[in-house]
Amino acid sequence: MTFKERYLAGEIEFEEIDGYISRWNNSDDMRTLREYLGLNAEEEDVWIEESDEALQEMLDKQKK
């Protein structure tokens, strides 16, 4: 499961994104970081252009 899937399911805290980023940086995974985390383009843009908090707020609106 991706970071986004696990976060939306309530399995992990948002701060776990840092661990996912570290694992991606140290892997041979061919996916982009956005794909690895399970984010769509809009979510990635908010994350890059605004902040972690803005991404968390966006994801919280989608929580089950």
N, C-alpha and C. Protein backbone atom coordinates (compact mmCIF):
# COMPACT_ATOMS: atom_id res chain seq x y z
N MET A 1 0.83 -1.19 0.00
CA MET A 1 0.00 0.00 0.00
C MET A 1 0.88 1.25 0.00
N THR A 2 0.37 2.28 -0.61
CA THR A 2 1.12 3.54 -0.64
C THR A 2 0.92 4.32 0.66
N PHE A 3 1.74 5.33 0.83
CA PHE A 3 1.57 6.21 1.99
C PHE A 3 0.15 6.76 2.04
N LYS A 4 -0.33 7.26 0.92
CA LYS A 4 -1.66 7.88 0.89
C LYS A 4 -2.74 6.87 1.27
N GLU A 5 -2.68 5.68 0.73
CA GLU A 5 -3.69 4.66 1.04
C GLU A 5 -3.68 4.34 2.54
N ARG A 6 -2.50 4.16 3.10
CA ARG A 6 -2.41 3.82 4.53
C ARG A 6 -2.83 4.99 5.41
N TYR A 7 -2.48 6.21 5.01
CA TYR A 7 -2.86 7.39 5.79
C TYR A 7 -4.38 7.56 5.77
N LEU A 8 -4.98 7.45 4.60
CA LEU A 8 -6.42 7.64 4.49
C LEU A 8 -7.19 6.55 5.23
N ALA A 9 -6.58 5.37 5.34
CA ALA A 9 -7.22 4.27 6.07
C ALA A 9 -7.02 4.41 7.58
N GLY A 10 -6.24 5.41 8.00
CA GLY A 10 -6.00 5.62 9.42
C GLY A 10 -4.96 4.69 10.02
N GLU A 11 -4.17 4.04 9.17
CA GLU A 11 -3.16 3.09 9.66
C GLU A 11 -1.89 3.76 10.14
N ILE A 12 -1.59 4.94 9.60
CA ILE A 12 -0.35 5.65 9.95
C ILE A 12 -0.64 7.13 10.15
N GLU A 13 0.28 7.78 10.85
CA GLU A 13 0.21 9.23 11.04
C GLU A 13 0.83 9.93 9.84
N PHE A 14 0.48 11.18 9.64
CA PHE A 14 1.00 11.92 8.49
C PHE A 14 2.53 11.99 8.52
N GLU A 15 3.11 12.09 9.71
CA GLU A 15 4.57 12.23 9.83
C GLU A 15 5.33 11.05 9.23
N GLU A 16 4.64 9.93 9.03
CA GLU A 16 5.27 8.76 8.41
C GLU A 16 5.72 9.05 6.98
N ILE A 17 5.25 10.15 6.40
CA ILE A 17 5.65 10.49 5.03
C ILE A 17 7.17 10.60 4.94
N ASP A 18 7.81 11.07 6.02
CA ASP A 18 9.27 11.20 6.01
C ASP A 18 9.96 9.84 5.84
N GLY A 19 9.42 8.81 6.48
CA GLY A 19 9.98 7.47 6.34
C GLY A 19 9.81 6.94 4.92
N TYR A 20 8.66 7.22 4.33
CA TYR A 20 8.43 6.81 2.95
C TYR A 20 9.41 7.50 2.01
N ILE A 21 9.65 8.79 2.24
CA ILE A 21 10.59 9.53 1.40
C ILE A 21 11.99 8.94 1.54
N SER A 22 12.41 8.63 2.76
CA SER A 22 13.73 8.03 2.99
C SER A 22 13.86 6.69 2.29
N ARG A 23 12.83 5.85 2.43
CA ARG A 23 12.87 4.53 1.78
C ARG A 23 12.95 4.68 0.27
N TRP A 24 12.21 5.63 -0.29
CA TRP A 24 12.24 5.86 -1.75
C TRP A 24 13.63 6.32 -2.17
N ASN A 25 14.22 7.25 -1.40
CA ASN A 25 15.55 7.77 -1.73
C ASN A 25 16.61 6.67 -1.71
N ASN A 26 16.42 5.66 -0.88
CA ASN A 26 17.40 4.60 -0.74
C ASN A 26 17.03 3.34 -1.51
N SER A 27 16.08 3.45 -2.42
CA SER A 27 15.64 2.28 -3.18
C SER A 27 15.96 2.44 -4.66
N ASP A 28 15.75 1.38 -5.38
CA ASP A 28 15.92 1.40 -6.84
C ASP A 28 14.57 1.51 -7.52
N ASP A 29 13.55 1.91 -6.77
CA ASP A 29 12.19 2.01 -7.31
C ASP A 29 12.18 2.99 -8.48
N MET A 30 11.61 2.56 -9.58
CA MET A 30 11.60 3.38 -10.79
C MET A 30 10.47 4.42 -10.81
N ARG A 31 9.55 4.31 -9.87
CA ARG A 31 8.45 5.27 -9.82
C ARG A 31 8.94 6.63 -9.34
N THR A 32 8.21 7.66 -9.71
CA THR A 32 8.51 8.98 -9.16
C THR A 32 8.11 8.97 -7.69
N LEU A 33 8.59 9.95 -6.95
CA LEU A 33 8.21 10.04 -5.54
C LEU A 33 6.70 10.20 -5.42
N ARG A 34 6.11 10.99 -6.29
CA ARG A 34 4.64 11.18 -6.28
C ARG A 34 3.93 9.84 -6.43
N GLU A 35 4.36 9.04 -7.38
CA GLU A 35 3.74 7.73 -7.59
C GLU A 35 3.99 6.81 -6.40
N TYR A 36 5.19 6.83 -5.87
CA TYR A 36 5.54 5.99 -4.72
C TYR A 36 4.66 6.30 -3.52
N LEU A 37 4.40 7.60 -3.31
CA LEU A 37 3.57 8.01 -2.18
C LEU A 37 2.08 7.82 -2.46
N GLY A 38 1.71 7.68 -3.73
CA GLY A 38 0.31 7.50 -4.10
C GLY A 38 -0.43 8.82 -4.28
N LEU A 39 0.29 9.90 -4.45
CA LEU A 39 -0.34 11.21 -4.61
C LEU A 39 -0.72 11.46 -6.06
N ASN A 40 -1.76 12.27 -6.26
CA ASN A 40 -2.07 12.70 -7.62
C ASN A 40 -1.34 14.01 -7.88
N ALA A 41 -1.41 14.51 -9.11
CA ALA A 41 -0.65 15.70 -9.49
C ALA A 41 -1.06 16.92 -8.66
N GLU A 42 -2.34 17.07 -8.41
CA GLU A 42 -2.82 18.21 -7.63
C GLU A 42 -2.27 18.18 -6.20
N GLU A 43 -2.28 16.99 -5.60
CA GLU A 43 -1.75 16.84 -4.24
C GLU A 43 -0.26 17.13 -4.20
N GLU A 44 0.45 16.66 -5.21
CA GLU A 44 1.89 16.91 -5.28
C GLU A 44 2.16 18.41 -5.40
N ASP A 45 1.40 19.10 -6.23
CA ASP A 45 1.58 20.54 -6.40
C ASP A 45 1.35 21.29 -5.10
N VAL A 46 0.30 20.96 -4.38
CA VAL A 46 0.01 21.61 -3.10
C VAL A 46 1.16 21.36 -2.13
N TRP A 47 1.64 20.14 -2.09
CA TRP A 47 2.73 19.76 -1.19
C TRP A 47 3.99 20.57 -1.50
N ILE A 48 4.35 20.66 -2.78
CA ILE A 48 5.58 21.35 -3.18
C ILE A 48 5.43 22.87 -3.05
N GLU A 49 4.30 23.38 -3.52
CA GLU A 49 4.14 24.83 -3.58
C GLU A 49 3.71 25.45 -2.26
N GLU A 50 3.08 24.66 -1.40
CA GLU A 50 2.60 25.21 -0.13
C GLU A 50 3.36 24.60 1.04
N SER A 51 2.95 23.42 1.49
CA SER A 51 3.60 22.85 2.68
C SER A 51 3.10 21.44 2.96
N ASP A 52 3.79 20.78 3.88
CA ASP A 52 3.32 19.48 4.37
C ASP A 52 1.93 19.62 4.97
N GLU A 53 1.73 20.71 5.71
CA GLU A 53 0.45 20.93 6.37
C GLU A 53 -0.69 21.06 5.37
N ALA A 54 -0.42 21.74 4.25
CA ALA A 54 -1.45 21.90 3.22
C ALA A 54 -1.80 20.55 2.60
N LEU A 55 -0.80 19.71 2.39
CA LEU A 55 -1.06 18.36 1.86
C LEU A 55 -1.85 17.56 2.88
N GLN A 56 -1.46 17.63 4.14
CA GLN A 56 -2.18 16.88 5.17
C GLN A 56 -3.64 17.32 5.22
N GLU A 57 -3.88 18.60 5.15
CA GLU A 57 -5.25 19.11 5.17
C GLU A 57 -6.05 18.59 3.98
N MET A 58 -5.41 18.56 2.82
CA MET A 58 -6.06 18.06 1.61
C MET A 58 -6.41 16.57 1.76
N LEU A 59 -5.48 15.80 2.30
CA LEU A 59 -5.73 14.37 2.48
C LEU A 59 -6.77 14.12 3.56
N ASP A 60 -6.76 14.93 4.62
CA ASP A 60 -7.73 14.76 5.69
C ASP A 60 -9.16 14.89 5.18
N LYS A 61 -9.36 15.70 4.18
CA LYS A 61 -10.69 15.88 3.60
C LYS A 61 -11.17 14.61 2.88
N GLN A 62 -10.22 13.73 2.55
CA GLN A 62 -10.56 12.49 1.83
C GLN A 62 -10.67 11.28 2.76
N LYS A 63 -10.33 11.46 4.02
CA LYS A 63 -10.30 10.30 4.94
C LYS A 63 -11.65 9.60 5.02
N LYS A 64 -11.57 8.29 5.17
CA LYS A 64 -12.76 7.45 5.24
C LYS A 64 -13.43 7.58 6.59
